[in-house]
Amino acid sequence: MNVLIIDDHHVVRKGLIFFLKTQKNIHIVGEGSTGEEAIRLTEQYMPDLILMDLDMPDMNGVEATKVIRKKFPQVKILILTSFSDRSHSLSAIAAGASGYQLKDVEPDELVKTMNGIMDGENYIHPKATTHLMSKFSHENDGIHLWHELTKREKEVLSEMGKGKSNKEIAADLFITEKTVKTHVSHILSKLDVDDRTQAAIFAVKNNFVN
């Protein structure tokens, strides 16, 4: 995978580059230290995945993620930060990030997360997940929303809660990937969430994962 690294801390950035260059399937295409550089370098190099810091000068990681995901929806973004609080994690996921990982992660676990995201999975560090889950416990009646879904939508949501991609869900349920996308769209609407990651968290929080 072609990877772009964006972090305003020079030592962190160089450390990531040093380690990731030892991985056979990872190629570092560029590095930057601001959100604006992230957008410019994405357009220049078209990476498969961006490791994005949140707290940066000029334009933060959330704002950069929004712009990049809108202009280049095929580019995956993994937030790599020291913040695990609800406001940061919710904002990042809502902006379109495919994953949210903390900087104290073990190197091998980071690579595993990156590979998973490239395979269509979503990942949120457990500390951040705890804060995200609280959103649903306070704002939504899980059982009521669950009953709003059709039988097939419940099956799809359950699979989403396991972190599966649309392709994997289609294979498991013996339906087309296009049909899965339609079900996912209906699920997001009925649950009133912004993306599949929040829907998956809802499923896990309410024990709807079989």
C-alpha atoms as a PDB file:
ATOM      1  CA  MET A   1       0.000   0.000   0.000  1.00  0.00           C
ATOM      2  CA  ASN A   2       1.123   3.559  -0.690  1.00  0.00           C
ATOM      3  CA  VAL A   3       1.086   5.560   2.550  1.00  0.00           C
ATOM      4  CA  LEU A   4       1.204   9.282   3.303  1.00  0.00           C
ATOM      5  CA  ILE A   5       2.188  10.371   6.823  1.00  0.00           C
ATOM      6  CA  ILE A   6       0.898  13.650   8.265  1.00  0.00           C
ATOM      7  CA  ASP A   7       2.061  14.726  11.727  1.00  0.00           C
ATOM      8  CA  ASP A   8       3.442  18.031  12.973  1.00  0.00           C
ATOM      9  CA  HIS A   9       5.849  16.315  15.392  1.00  0.00           C
ATOM     10  CA  HIS A  10       9.080  15.655  13.516  1.00  0.00           C
ATOM     11  CA  VAL A  11      10.242  12.853  15.819  1.00  0.00           C
ATOM     12  CA  VAL A  12       6.905  11.020  15.591  1.00  0.00           C
ATOM     13  CA  ARG A  13       6.809  11.369  11.820  1.00  0.00           C
ATOM     14  CA  LYS A  14      10.364  10.134  11.306  1.00  0.00           C
ATOM     15  CA  GLY A  15       9.814   7.278  13.739  1.00  0.00           C
ATOM     16  CA  LEU A  16       6.781   6.114  11.801  1.00  0.00           C
ATOM     17  CA  ILE A  17       8.648   6.319   8.517  1.00  0.00           C
ATOM     18  CA  PHE A  18      11.626   4.406   9.913  1.00  0.00           C
ATOM     19  CA  PHE A  19       9.437   1.568  11.163  1.00  0.00           C
ATOM     20  CA  LEU A  20       7.006   1.358   8.246  1.00  0.00           C
ATOM     21  CA  LYS A  21       9.863   1.206   5.738  1.00  0.00           C
ATOM     22  CA  THR A  22      10.752  -2.177   7.266  1.00  0.00           C
ATOM     23  CA  GLN A  23       7.361  -3.565   6.156  1.00  0.00           C
ATOM     24  CA  LYS A  24       7.410  -5.292   2.768  1.00  0.00           C
ATOM     25  CA  ASN A  25       3.916  -4.283   1.689  1.00  0.00           C
ATOM     26  CA  ILE A  26       4.160  -0.605   2.705  1.00  0.00           C
ATOM     27  CA  HIS A  27       5.625   2.197   0.583  1.00  0.00           C
ATOM     28  CA  ILE A  28       5.913   5.715   2.022  1.00  0.00           C
ATOM     29  CA  VAL A  29       5.045   8.177  -0.752  1.00  0.00           C
ATOM     30  CA  GLY A  30       5.349  11.390   1.246  1.00  0.00           C
ATOM     31  CA  GLU A  31       5.151  13.210   4.573  1.00  0.00           C
ATOM     32  CA  GLY A  32       3.748  16.495   5.828  1.00  0.00           C
ATOM     33  CA  SER A  33       3.091  18.432   9.018  1.00  0.00           C
ATOM     34  CA  THR A  34      -0.194  20.306   8.445  1.00  0.00           C
ATOM     35  CA  GLY A  35      -3.706  19.627   7.214  1.00  0.00           C
ATOM     36  CA  GLU A  36      -3.136  21.836   4.184  1.00  0.00           C
ATOM     37  CA  GLU A  37      -0.047  19.807   3.265  1.00  0.00           C
ATOM     38  CA  ALA A  38      -2.120  16.652   3.647  1.00  0.00           C
ATOM     39  CA  ILE A  39      -4.557  17.858   1.001  1.00  0.00           C
ATOM     40  CA  ARG A  40      -1.819  19.009  -1.384  1.00  0.00           C
ATOM     41  CA  LEU A  41       0.242  15.829  -1.006  1.00  0.00           C
ATOM     42  CA  THR A  42      -2.827  13.628  -1.416  1.00  0.00           C
ATOM     43  CA  GLU A  43      -3.570  15.279  -4.747  1.00  0.00           C
ATOM     44  CA  GLN A  44       0.093  14.913  -5.737  1.00  0.00           C
ATOM     45  CA  TYR A  45       0.705  11.288  -4.699  1.00  0.00           C
ATOM     46  CA  MET A  46      -2.798   9.731  -4.464  1.00  0.00           C
ATOM     47  CA  PRO A  47      -1.917   7.430  -1.542  1.00  0.00           C
ATOM     48  CA  ASP A  48      -3.983   4.392  -0.615  1.00  0.00           C
ATOM     49  CA  LEU A  49      -3.879   5.313   3.065  1.00  0.00           C
ATOM     50  CA  ILE A  50      -3.065   8.411   5.110  1.00  0.00           C
ATOM     51  CA  LEU A  51      -1.853   8.309   8.709  1.00  0.00           C
ATOM     52  CA  MET A  52      -3.295  11.585   9.991  1.00  0.00           C
ATOM     53  CA  ASP A  53      -2.579  13.440  13.220  1.00  0.00           C
ATOM     54  CA  LEU A  54      -5.408  15.525  14.704  1.00  0.00           C
ATOM     55  CA  ASP A  55      -3.803  18.493  16.431  1.00  0.00           C
ATOM     56  CA  MET A  56      -1.851  20.408  13.796  1.00  0.00           C
ATOM     57  CA  PRO A  57      -1.320  24.072  12.894  1.00  0.00           C
ATOM     58  CA  ASP A  58      -3.175  25.888  10.084  1.00  0.00           C
ATOM     59  CA  MET A  59      -5.713  23.095   9.485  1.00  0.00           C
ATOM     60  CA  ASN A  60      -6.348  20.220  11.889  1.00  0.00           C
ATOM     61  CA  GLY A  61      -6.740  16.563  10.998  1.00  0.00           C
ATOM     62  CA  VAL A  62     -10.535  16.548  11.131  1.00  0.00           C
ATOM     63  CA  GLU A  63     -10.847  19.434   8.683  1.00  0.00           C
ATOM     64  CA  ALA A  64      -8.265  17.883   6.363  1.00  0.00           C
ATOM     65  CA  THR A  65     -10.043  14.524   6.522  1.00  0.00           C
ATOM     66  CA  LYS A  66     -13.347  16.127   5.490  1.00  0.00           C
ATOM     67  CA  VAL A  67     -11.765  17.798   2.460  1.00  0.00           C
ATOM     68  CA  ILE A  68      -9.781  14.744   1.363  1.00  0.00           C
ATOM     69  CA  ARG A  69     -12.680  12.313   1.728  1.00  0.00           C
ATOM     70  CA  LYS A  70     -14.893  14.637  -0.315  1.00  0.00           C
ATOM     71  CA  LYS A  71     -12.349  15.189  -3.104  1.00  0.00           C
ATOM     72  CA  PHE A  72     -10.742  11.731  -3.058  1.00  0.00           C
ATOM     73  CA  PRO A  73     -13.271   9.249  -1.580  1.00  0.00           C
ATOM     74  CA  GLN A  74     -11.097   6.275  -2.531  1.00  0.00           C
ATOM     75  CA  VAL A  75      -8.328   7.393  -0.140  1.00  0.00           C
ATOM     76  CA  LYS A  76      -8.528   5.777   3.310  1.00  0.00           C
ATOM     77  CA  ILE A  77      -7.591   7.764   6.412  1.00  0.00           C
ATOM     78  CA  LEU A  78      -6.390   6.381   9.732  1.00  0.00           C
ATOM     79  CA  ILE A  79      -6.317   8.937  12.526  1.00  0.00           C
ATOM     80  CA  LEU A  80      -3.227   8.461  14.700  1.00  0.00           C
ATOM     81  CA  THR A  81      -3.447  10.653  17.771  1.00  0.00           C
ATOM     82  CA  SER A  82      -2.973  10.942  21.525  1.00  0.00           C
ATOM     83  CA  PHE A  83      -6.612  12.018  22.062  1.00  0.00           C
ATOM     84  CA  SER A  84      -9.161   9.370  23.078  1.00  0.00           C
ATOM     85  CA  ASP A  85     -11.983  11.676  24.233  1.00  0.00           C
ATOM     86  CA  ARG A  86     -15.439  11.609  22.688  1.00  0.00           C
ATOM     87  CA  SER A  87     -15.337  15.004  20.967  1.00  0.00           C
ATOM     88  CA  HIS A  88     -12.171  14.212  19.017  1.00  0.00           C
ATOM     89  CA  SER A  89     -13.115  10.642  18.114  1.00  0.00           C
ATOM     90  CA  LEU A  90     -16.672  11.496  17.075  1.00  0.00           C
ATOM     91  CA  SER A  91     -15.494  14.401  14.935  1.00  0.00           C
ATOM     92  CA  ALA A  92     -12.860  12.279  13.189  1.00  0.00           C
ATOM     93  CA  ILE A  93     -15.214   9.396  12.401  1.00  0.00           C
ATOM     94  CA  ALA A  94     -17.958  11.783  11.271  1.00  0.00           C
ATOM     95  CA  ALA A  95     -15.420  13.464   8.957  1.00  0.00           C
ATOM     96  CA  GLY A  96     -14.911  10.163   7.153  1.00  0.00           C
ATOM     97  CA  ALA A  97     -11.914   8.529   8.808  1.00  0.00           C
ATOM     98  CA  SER A  98     -11.824   4.738   8.429  1.00  0.00           C
ATOM     99  CA  GLY A  99      -9.987   4.231  11.699  1.00  0.00           C
ATOM    100  CA  TYR A 100      -8.973   5.883  14.950  1.00  0.00           C
ATOM    101  CA  GLN A 101      -5.793   4.652  16.607  1.00  0.00           C
ATOM    102  CA  LEU A 102      -3.791   6.025  19.537  1.00  0.00           C
ATOM    103  CA  LYS A 103      -0.078   6.831  19.305  1.00  0.00           C
ATOM    104  CA  ASP A 104       0.814   4.438  22.108  1.00  0.00           C
ATOM    105  CA  VAL A 105      -0.163   1.511  19.879  1.00  0.00           C
ATOM    106  CA  GLU A 106       2.339  -1.300  19.422  1.00  0.00           C
ATOM    107  CA  PRO A 107       4.033  -1.096  15.985  1.00  0.00           C
ATOM    108  CA  ASP A 108       2.778  -4.522  14.853  1.00  0.00           C
ATOM    109  CA  GLU A 109      -0.770  -3.624  15.911  1.00  0.00           C
ATOM    110  CA  LEU A 110      -0.559  -0.425  13.860  1.00  0.00           C
ATOM    111  CA  VAL A 111       0.398  -2.405  10.750  1.00  0.00           C
ATOM    112  CA  LYS A 112      -2.439  -4.840  11.449  1.00  0.00           C
ATOM    113  CA  THR A 113      -4.862  -1.923  11.683  1.00  0.00           C
ATOM    114  CA  MET A 114      -3.575  -0.432   8.433  1.00  0.00           C
ATOM    115  CA  ASN A 115      -3.956  -3.740   6.594  1.00  0.00           C
ATOM    116  CA  GLY A 116      -7.450  -4.190   7.995  1.00  0.00           C
ATOM    117  CA  ILE A 117      -8.540  -0.773   6.788  1.00  0.00           C
ATOM    118  CA  MET A 118      -7.203  -1.510   3.315  1.00  0.00           C
ATOM    119  CA  ASP A 119      -9.295  -4.707   3.378  1.00  0.00           C
ATOM    120  CA  GLY A 120     -12.428  -2.649   4.018  1.00  0.00           C
ATOM    121  CA  GLU A 121     -12.589  -2.895   7.811  1.00  0.00           C
ATOM    122  CA  ASN A 122     -13.076  -0.060  10.285  1.00  0.00           C
ATOM    123  CA  TYR A 123     -11.090   0.251  13.493  1.00  0.00           C
ATOM    124  CA  ILE A 124     -11.466   2.367  16.604  1.00  0.00           C
ATOM    125  CA  HIS A 125      -9.144   2.084  19.599  1.00  0.00           C
ATOM    126  CA  PRO A 126     -11.006   0.621  22.616  1.00  0.00           C
ATOM    127  CA  LYS A 127     -10.470   3.786  24.687  1.00  0.00           C
ATOM    128  CA  ALA A 128     -12.139   5.893  21.992  1.00  0.00           C
ATOM    129  CA  THR A 129     -14.856   3.277  21.464  1.00  0.00           C
ATOM    130  CA  THR A 130     -15.947   3.639  25.093  1.00  0.00           C
ATOM    131  CA  HIS A 131     -16.571   7.344  24.564  1.00  0.00           C
ATOM    132  CA  LEU A 132     -18.312   6.819  21.246  1.00  0.00           C
ATOM    133  CA  MET A 133     -20.620   4.172  22.686  1.00  0.00           C
ATOM    134  CA  SER A 134     -21.855   6.632  25.307  1.00  0.00           C
ATOM    135  CA  LYS A 135     -23.363   8.681  22.477  1.00  0.00           C
ATOM    136  CA  PHE A 136     -25.922   5.977  21.820  1.00  0.00           C
ATOM    137  CA  SER A 137     -26.676   5.132  25.434  1.00  0.00           C
ATOM    138  CA  HIS A 138     -27.720   8.746  26.058  1.00  0.00           C
ATOM    139  CA  GLU A 139     -29.252   9.739  22.741  1.00  0.00           C
ATOM    140  CA  ASN A 140     -31.011   6.676  21.369  1.00  0.00           C
ATOM    141  CA  ASP A 141     -33.290   3.902  22.515  1.00  0.00           C
ATOM    142  CA  GLY A 142     -31.432   0.957  20.981  1.00  0.00           C
ATOM    143  CA  ILE A 143     -34.292  -1.533  21.148  1.00  0.00           C
ATOM    144  CA  HIS A 144     -36.727   0.881  19.514  1.00  0.00           C
ATOM    145  CA  LEU A 145     -34.317   1.642  16.667  1.00  0.00           C
ATOM    146  CA  TRP A 146     -33.550  -2.067  16.209  1.00  0.00           C
ATOM    147  CA  HIS A 147     -37.239  -2.805  15.629  1.00  0.00           C
ATOM    148  CA  GLU A 148     -37.310  -0.124  12.939  1.00  0.00           C
ATOM    149  CA  LEU A 149     -35.021  -2.290  10.805  1.00  0.00           C
ATOM    150  CA  THR A 150     -36.143  -5.058   8.461  1.00  0.00           C
ATOM    151  CA  LYS A 151     -34.966  -8.639   9.012  1.00  0.00           C
ATOM    152  CA  ARG A 152     -32.318  -8.305   6.299  1.00  0.00           C
ATOM    153  CA  GLU A 153     -31.155  -4.903   7.587  1.00  0.00           C
ATOM    154  CA  LYS A 154     -30.670  -6.460  11.039  1.00  0.00           C
ATOM    155  CA  GLU A 155     -28.550  -9.207   9.481  1.00  0.00           C
ATOM    156  CA  VAL A 156     -26.428  -6.659   7.611  1.00  0.00           C
ATOM    157  CA  LEU A 157     -26.010  -4.475  10.718  1.00  0.00           C
ATOM    158  CA  SER A 158     -24.936  -7.508  12.742  1.00  0.00           C
ATOM    159  CA  GLU A 159     -22.225  -8.234  10.181  1.00  0.00           C
ATOM    160  CA  MET A 160     -21.186  -4.565  10.168  1.00  0.00           C
ATOM    161  CA  GLY A 161     -20.737  -4.846  13.925  1.00  0.00           C
ATOM    162  CA  LYS A 162     -18.123  -7.516  13.257  1.00  0.00           C
ATOM    163  CA  GLY A 163     -16.132  -5.044  11.155  1.00  0.00           C
ATOM    164  CA  LYS A 164     -16.874  -6.750   7.850  1.00  0.00           C
ATOM    165  CA  SER A 165     -16.697  -4.963   4.497  1.00  0.00           C
ATOM    166  CA  ASN A 166     -19.621  -4.824   2.062  1.00  0.00           C
ATOM    167  CA  LYS A 167     -17.948  -7.492  -0.053  1.00  0.00           C
ATOM    168  CA  GLU A 168     -17.612  -9.840   2.921  1.00  0.00           C
ATOM    169  CA  ILE A 169     -21.200  -9.226   4.022  1.00  0.00           C
ATOM    170  CA  ALA A 170     -22.452  -9.928   0.501  1.00  0.00           C
ATOM    171  CA  ALA A 171     -20.618 -13.254   0.429  1.00  0.00           C
ATOM    172  CA  ASP A 172     -21.838 -14.304   3.886  1.00  0.00           C
ATOM    173  CA  LEU A 173     -25.484 -13.410   3.216  1.00  0.00           C
ATOM    174  CA  PHE A 174     -25.477 -14.621  -0.419  1.00  0.00           C
ATOM    175  CA  ILE A 175     -26.561 -11.271  -1.832  1.00  0.00           C
ATOM    176  CA  THR A 176     -24.893  -8.783  -4.177  1.00  0.00           C
ATOM    177  CA  GLU A 177     -22.552  -6.065  -2.958  1.00  0.00           C
ATOM    178  CA  LYS A 178     -24.899  -3.485  -4.504  1.00  0.00           C
ATOM    179  CA  THR A 179     -27.744  -4.836  -2.391  1.00  0.00           C
ATOM    180  CA  VAL A 180     -25.581  -4.585   0.725  1.00  0.00           C
ATOM    181  CA  LYS A 181     -24.809  -0.936  -0.060  1.00  0.00           C
ATOM    182  CA  THR A 182     -28.548  -0.244  -0.326  1.00  0.00           C
ATOM    183  CA  HIS A 183     -29.210  -1.905   3.018  1.00  0.00           C
ATOM    184  CA  VAL A 184     -26.342   0.032   4.644  1.00  0.00           C
ATOM    185  CA  SER A 185     -27.781   3.295   3.351  1.00  0.00           C
ATOM    186  CA  HIS A 186     -31.194   2.456   4.838  1.00  0.00           C
ATOM    187  CA  ILE A 187     -29.601   1.416   8.133  1.00  0.00           C
ATOM    188  CA  LEU A 188     -27.659   4.691   8.475  1.00  0.00           C
ATOM    189  CA  SER A 189     -30.844   6.641   7.798  1.00  0.00           C
ATOM    190  CA  LYS A 190     -32.978   4.702  10.283  1.00  0.00           C
ATOM    191  CA  LEU A 191     -30.357   4.850  13.035  1.00  0.00           C
ATOM    192  CA  ASP A 192     -29.675   8.528  12.301  1.00  0.00           C
ATOM    193  CA  VAL A 193     -25.904   8.033  12.217  1.00  0.00           C
ATOM    194  CA  ASP A 194     -23.323   9.526   9.871  1.00  0.00           C
ATOM    195  CA  ASP A 195     -21.424   6.443   8.719  1.00  0.00           C
ATOM    196  CA  ARG A 196     -21.041   2.678   8.970  1.00  0.00           C
ATOM    197  CA  THR A 197     -18.550   2.930  11.823  1.00  0.00           C
ATOM    198  CA  GLN A 198     -21.114   4.606  14.073  1.00  0.00           C
ATOM    199  CA  ALA A 199     -23.690   2.007  12.990  1.00  0.00           C
ATOM    200  CA  ALA A 200     -21.266  -0.775  13.893  1.00  0.00           C
ATOM    201  CA  ILE A 201     -20.676   0.782  17.320  1.00  0.00           C
ATOM    202  CA  PHE A 202     -24.446   0.963  17.831  1.00  0.00           C
ATOM    203  CA  ALA A 203     -24.707  -2.759  17.036  1.00  0.00           C
ATOM    204  CA  VAL A 204     -21.938  -3.686  19.479  1.00  0.00           C
ATOM    205  CA  LYS A 205     -23.202  -1.371  22.212  1.00  0.00           C
ATOM    206  CA  ASN A 206     -26.685  -2.883  22.083  1.00  0.00           C
ATOM    207  CA  ASN A 207     -25.518  -6.502  21.720  1.00  0.00           C
ATOM    208  CA  PHE A 208     -26.984  -6.843  18.229  1.00  0.00           C
ATOM    209  CA  VAL A 209     -23.947  -8.704  16.881  1.00  0.00           C
ATOM    210  CA  ASN A 210     -24.674 -12.414  16.505  1.00  0.00           C
END
